[in-house]
Amino acid sequence: MAQHKSGILERIVMRRARAFWARAANAAPTTDLAVLRRRRNQARILRQKLDELTHTADSRLALPRIGSSSFPKPPGTDWAWRPQLWRGALPVKGMASVESKTMLGDEVTIFHDCHISELTLRQLRNIREADLAPFGLRMDVFRFDGSFLSLVLNLPPASCDGLLRTHLLRLEAIVEVEKPLEVFARLNVRHGPNTEQIVRELPLNDDHVMVEFDLAYTKLNEKRVDSMWVDLIFEGPEMNQVTIRDVTLSRNPRAEL
């Protein structure tokens, strides 16, 4: 109730302020010069505060909304997902000398076999007009004495519900690299004691990349699917900076031939 009364009072004050300045503007041609000088100074101070408010509001309202899962999807999509790392803020924004099996939130884990880790990770707030994801991930790799580096995305259980061999899984990402780098995406689908794997290279000739995994070419036992995950594998990442602005996955039935 108190908040409601405060809102009413605020609207009344705003209406009276607008009316006052409207009358002052209309009367300016005939207002006494001493009064006009005082009102001009007051108006300049008010305009400065209004400009500050407008600038801050424009900056904040232009950012992608935190928690957003919105992104374009193919027709017929029956499941879509953006990992939490790209949707919401992590408790720890940055990490240095990152060890293997370090989790970034509940859904993303980093793996490597370096003896001495010279890997840093930092979550970024996306601010570009083209960005739909609220957050991005920046990975700096310095000396790299290991043989592999990967980010593992653990897909939620809903991704397995009703999964069929007629499905296509689409992975889309926005990736920036400091220098040329090979990045592969490997889809893993576990069904019973077996795991089906499909590997695709991400075409990094454009910031926005897309690959599809066609389950028709697997021996998937549709009745025994229990989990899925995707490995993002970075080949030769030494002395490179990789920024992943967004990662999304979606599932849709393959068109009948």
Protein backbone atom coordinates (compact mmCIF):
# COMPACT_ATOMS: atom_id res chain seq x y z
CA MET A 1 0.00 0.00 0.00
CA ALA A 2 2.84 2.41 0.90
CA GLN A 3 4.49 1.74 -2.47
CA HIS A 4 1.18 2.47 -4.24
CA LYS A 5 0.80 5.81 -2.39
CA SER A 6 4.42 6.68 -3.22
CA GLY A 7 3.72 6.02 -6.92
CA ILE A 8 0.65 8.29 -6.86
CA LEU A 9 2.57 11.11 -5.14
CA GLU A 10 5.42 10.75 -7.66
CA ARG A 11 2.99 11.10 -10.57
CA ILE A 12 1.41 14.19 -8.99
CA VAL A 13 4.82 15.82 -8.45
CA MET A 14 5.85 15.00 -12.04
CA ARG A 15 2.65 16.51 -13.47
CA ARG A 16 3.13 19.69 -11.44
CA ALA A 17 6.79 19.95 -12.48
CA ARG A 18 5.92 19.54 -16.17
CA ALA A 19 3.18 22.16 -15.83
CA PHE A 20 5.55 24.59 -14.08
CA TRP A 21 8.23 24.33 -16.77
CA ALA A 22 5.65 24.54 -19.54
CA ARG A 23 4.34 27.81 -18.07
CA ALA A 24 7.91 29.10 -17.59
CA ALA A 25 8.78 28.33 -21.22
CA ASN A 26 5.63 30.04 -22.52
CA ALA A 27 6.23 33.08 -20.33
CA ALA A 28 9.96 33.40 -21.11
CA PRO A 29 9.54 36.18 -23.76
CA THR A 30 8.04 38.56 -21.16
CA THR A 31 9.54 37.30 -17.86
CA ASP A 32 11.55 39.75 -15.72
CA LEU A 33 15.25 39.33 -16.54
CA ALA A 34 16.33 38.53 -12.96
CA VAL A 35 13.67 35.79 -12.73
CA LEU A 36 14.53 34.54 -16.22
CA ARG A 37 18.22 34.28 -15.31
CA ARG A 38 17.36 32.25 -12.18
CA ARG A 39 15.05 29.91 -14.12
CA ARG A 40 17.67 29.45 -16.85
CA ASN A 41 20.21 28.26 -14.26
CA GLN A 42 17.64 25.94 -12.70
CA ALA A 43 16.74 24.56 -16.14
CA ARG A 44 20.42 23.91 -16.97
CA ILE A 45 20.92 21.94 -13.73
CA LEU A 46 17.72 19.98 -14.37
CA ARG A 47 18.72 19.27 -17.98
CA GLN A 48 22.13 17.96 -16.83
CA LYS A 49 20.45 15.48 -14.48
CA LEU A 50 17.93 14.47 -17.13
CA ASP A 51 20.73 13.90 -19.65
CA GLU A 52 22.57 11.70 -17.13
CA LEU A 53 19.41 9.68 -16.50
CA THR A 54 18.70 9.30 -20.21
CA HIS A 55 22.28 8.23 -20.99
CA THR A 56 22.33 5.59 -18.23
CA ALA A 57 18.86 4.33 -19.12
CA ASP A 58 19.73 4.05 -22.82
CA SER A 59 22.88 2.08 -22.00
CA ARG A 60 21.14 -0.34 -19.64
CA LEU A 61 18.02 -0.85 -21.75
CA ALA A 62 20.14 -1.58 -24.83
CA LEU A 63 21.83 -4.56 -23.14
CA PRO A 64 20.44 -8.07 -23.67
CA ARG A 65 18.10 -8.94 -20.80
CA ILE A 66 19.72 -11.13 -18.13
CA GLY A 67 18.22 -14.61 -18.18
CA SER A 68 17.15 -14.33 -21.80
CA SER A 69 16.75 -17.57 -23.75
CA SER A 70 15.48 -15.79 -26.84
CA PHE A 71 17.11 -16.58 -30.18
CA PRO A 72 15.96 -17.46 -33.74
CA LYS A 73 14.97 -21.11 -34.15
CA PRO A 74 14.33 -23.31 -37.22
CA PRO A 75 10.70 -24.07 -38.09
CA GLY A 76 9.36 -27.06 -36.19
CA THR A 77 11.79 -26.66 -33.28
CA ASP A 78 10.59 -28.79 -30.34
CA TRP A 79 13.43 -28.03 -27.90
CA ALA A 80 15.85 -25.10 -27.58
CA TRP A 81 18.41 -24.08 -24.97
CA ARG A 82 21.06 -21.52 -24.10
CA PRO A 83 23.44 -22.64 -21.30
CA GLN A 84 23.28 -20.73 -18.03
CA LEU A 85 26.82 -19.37 -18.50
CA TRP A 86 25.53 -17.23 -21.39
CA ARG A 87 22.19 -16.41 -19.68
CA GLY A 88 23.12 -15.29 -16.18
CA ALA A 89 25.96 -14.00 -14.06
CA LEU A 90 28.34 -16.52 -12.51
CA PRO A 91 29.26 -16.16 -8.80
CA VAL A 92 32.93 -15.83 -9.84
CA LYS A 93 33.52 -13.62 -12.88
CA GLY A 94 37.12 -14.60 -13.61
CA MET A 95 39.59 -17.38 -12.91
CA ALA A 96 43.32 -17.78 -13.54
CA SER A 97 45.46 -20.94 -13.80
CA VAL A 98 42.23 -22.85 -14.38
CA GLU A 99 42.48 -26.51 -13.48
CA SER A 100 40.92 -29.32 -15.49
CA LYS A 101 37.35 -30.27 -14.51
CA THR A 102 36.62 -26.74 -13.30
CA MET A 103 32.89 -26.07 -13.55
CA LEU A 104 31.55 -22.77 -14.87
CA GLY A 105 28.10 -22.79 -13.34
CA ASP A 106 26.12 -26.04 -13.33
CA GLU A 107 26.23 -26.89 -17.04
CA VAL A 108 29.71 -26.11 -18.42
CA THR A 109 33.00 -27.80 -17.48
CA ILE A 110 36.51 -27.21 -18.83
CA PHE A 111 38.89 -30.10 -19.48
CA HIS A 112 42.59 -30.11 -20.37
CA ASP A 113 45.73 -32.12 -19.64
CA CYS A 114 48.23 -29.32 -19.03
CA HIS A 115 50.90 -29.93 -16.41
CA ILE A 116 51.03 -26.19 -15.69
CA SER A 117 47.84 -24.28 -16.46
CA GLU A 118 48.33 -20.90 -18.09
CA LEU A 119 44.64 -20.58 -18.92
CA THR A 120 42.37 -17.76 -17.74
CA LEU A 121 38.61 -17.48 -18.07
CA ARG A 122 36.38 -14.44 -17.65
CA GLN A 123 32.65 -13.94 -18.04
CA LEU A 124 31.77 -10.78 -19.98
CA ARG A 125 28.62 -8.69 -20.19
CA ASN A 126 27.67 -8.52 -23.87
CA ILE A 127 27.00 -4.94 -24.97
CA ARG A 128 26.99 -5.13 -28.77
CA GLU A 129 23.78 -4.40 -30.65
CA ALA A 130 24.00 -7.78 -32.41
CA ASP A 131 24.22 -9.77 -29.16
CA LEU A 132 21.16 -11.67 -27.96
CA ALA A 133 22.94 -13.47 -25.10
CA PRO A 134 23.38 -11.36 -21.95
CA PHE A 135 26.85 -12.77 -21.23
CA GLY A 136 29.88 -14.15 -23.05
CA LEU A 137 32.98 -16.13 -22.11
CA ARG A 138 36.55 -15.01 -22.81
CA MET A 139 39.35 -17.59 -22.69
CA ASP A 140 43.01 -16.54 -22.76
CA VAL A 141 45.52 -19.31 -23.38
CA PHE A 142 49.21 -18.56 -22.93
CA ARG A 143 51.79 -21.37 -22.88
CA PHE A 144 49.99 -24.67 -23.50
CA ASP A 145 51.83 -27.91 -22.75
CA GLY A 146 48.83 -30.22 -23.05
CA SER A 147 47.35 -32.26 -25.88
CA PHE A 148 43.70 -31.20 -25.59
CA LEU A 149 41.46 -28.38 -24.39
CA SER A 150 37.68 -28.57 -24.40
CA LEU A 151 34.53 -27.03 -22.96
CA VAL A 152 31.84 -29.58 -22.17
CA LEU A 153 28.20 -28.45 -22.29
CA ASN A 154 25.93 -30.82 -20.36
CA LEU A 155 22.52 -30.67 -22.02
CA PRO A 156 19.47 -30.73 -19.72
CA PRO A 157 17.24 -33.85 -19.48
CA ALA A 158 14.58 -32.17 -21.64
CA SER A 159 16.92 -32.49 -24.64
CA CYS A 160 16.53 -36.29 -24.46
CA ASP A 161 12.76 -36.38 -24.07
CA GLY A 162 11.26 -37.84 -27.24
CA LEU A 163 14.61 -37.83 -29.07
CA LEU A 164 14.38 -39.68 -32.41
CA ARG A 165 16.76 -40.60 -35.19
CA THR A 166 14.74 -38.26 -37.41
CA HIS A 167 15.90 -35.28 -35.36
CA LEU A 168 18.50 -32.69 -36.30
CA LEU A 169 20.36 -30.93 -33.53
CA ARG A 170 21.62 -27.48 -34.43
CA LEU A 171 24.42 -25.70 -32.61
CA GLU A 172 24.88 -21.98 -33.20
CA ALA A 173 27.62 -19.85 -31.70
CA ILE A 174 29.21 -16.44 -31.96
CA VAL A 175 32.97 -16.93 -31.70
CA GLU A 176 35.81 -14.39 -31.92
CA VAL A 177 39.44 -15.51 -32.10
CA GLU A 178 42.61 -13.46 -31.87
CA LYS A 179 44.32 -15.62 -34.50
CA PRO A 180 43.16 -18.56 -36.69
CA LEU A 181 42.13 -21.60 -34.70
CA GLU A 182 40.39 -24.92 -35.37
CA VAL A 183 37.35 -25.56 -33.19
CA PHE A 184 35.33 -28.78 -33.33
CA ALA A 185 31.94 -29.60 -31.82
CA ARG A 186 31.30 -33.21 -30.85
CA LEU A 187 27.79 -34.32 -29.95
CA ASN A 188 27.62 -37.26 -27.55
CA VAL A 189 24.37 -39.17 -27.03
CA ARG A 190 24.40 -41.93 -24.44
CA HIS A 191 21.82 -44.71 -24.85
CA GLY A 192 22.20 -47.61 -22.47
CA PRO A 193 25.85 -48.77 -22.42
CA ASN A 194 26.62 -47.12 -25.78
CA THR A 195 27.44 -43.57 -26.79
CA GLU A 196 26.89 -42.17 -30.29
CA GLN A 197 29.26 -39.41 -31.38
CA ILE A 198 29.07 -36.95 -34.27
CA VAL A 199 31.86 -34.43 -34.90
CA ARG A 200 31.57 -31.19 -36.87
CA GLU A 201 34.15 -28.45 -37.43
CA LEU A 202 32.93 -24.95 -36.65
CA PRO A 203 33.38 -22.71 -39.72
CA LEU A 204 35.09 -19.71 -38.14
CA ASN A 205 35.18 -17.68 -41.34
CA ASP A 206 32.27 -15.73 -39.82
CA ASP A 207 31.63 -14.59 -36.24
CA HIS A 208 28.27 -16.38 -36.25
CA VAL A 209 28.68 -20.09 -36.92
CA MET A 210 26.21 -22.96 -37.24
CA VAL A 211 26.55 -26.74 -37.49
CA GLU A 212 23.95 -29.51 -37.52
CA PHE A 213 24.10 -33.06 -36.20
CA ASP A 214 21.91 -35.51 -38.12
CA LEU A 215 20.94 -38.44 -35.91
CA ALA A 216 19.83 -40.47 -38.94
CA TYR A 217 23.46 -41.51 -39.42
CA THR A 218 23.75 -43.03 -35.94
CA LYS A 219 22.68 -46.34 -34.43
CA LEU A 220 20.69 -44.57 -31.74
CA ASN A 221 18.39 -46.71 -29.61
CA GLU A 222 15.60 -44.19 -29.17
CA LYS A 223 14.09 -46.03 -26.17
CA ARG A 224 17.29 -45.94 -24.11
CA VAL A 225 18.52 -42.35 -24.50
CA ASP A 226 19.46 -41.00 -21.07
CA SER A 227 21.89 -38.08 -21.56
CA MET A 228 23.55 -35.79 -24.10
CA TRP A 229 26.50 -33.44 -24.00
CA VAL A 230 28.56 -31.40 -26.47
CA ASP A 231 32.35 -31.00 -26.42
CA LEU A 232 33.77 -27.80 -27.89
CA ILE A 233 37.34 -28.85 -28.74
CA PHE A 234 40.07 -26.26 -29.37
CA GLU A 235 43.04 -27.43 -31.47
CA GLY A 236 46.38 -25.70 -30.88
CA PRO A 237 45.05 -22.94 -28.62
CA GLU A 238 48.44 -21.67 -27.41
CA MET A 239 48.90 -17.85 -27.28
CA ASN A 240 45.36 -17.12 -28.36
CA GLN A 241 42.28 -15.36 -27.04
CA VAL A 242 38.88 -16.89 -27.75
CA THR A 243 35.64 -15.06 -26.96
CA ILE A 244 32.41 -17.04 -27.18
CA ARG A 245 29.63 -14.47 -27.23
CA ASP A 246 26.80 -16.99 -27.42
CA VAL A 247 26.06 -20.71 -27.66
CA THR A 248 22.60 -22.11 -28.38
CA LEU A 249 21.25 -25.53 -29.28
CA SER A 250 17.92 -26.47 -30.79
CA ARG A 251 16.23 -29.64 -31.98
CA ASN A 252 13.84 -30.08 -34.90
CA PRO A 253 12.58 -32.98 -37.03
CA ARG A 254 14.49 -33.54 -40.24
CA ALA A 255 12.48 -32.86 -43.38
CA GLU A 256 11.24 -36.04 -45.08
CA LEU A 257 13.00 -36.82 -48.34
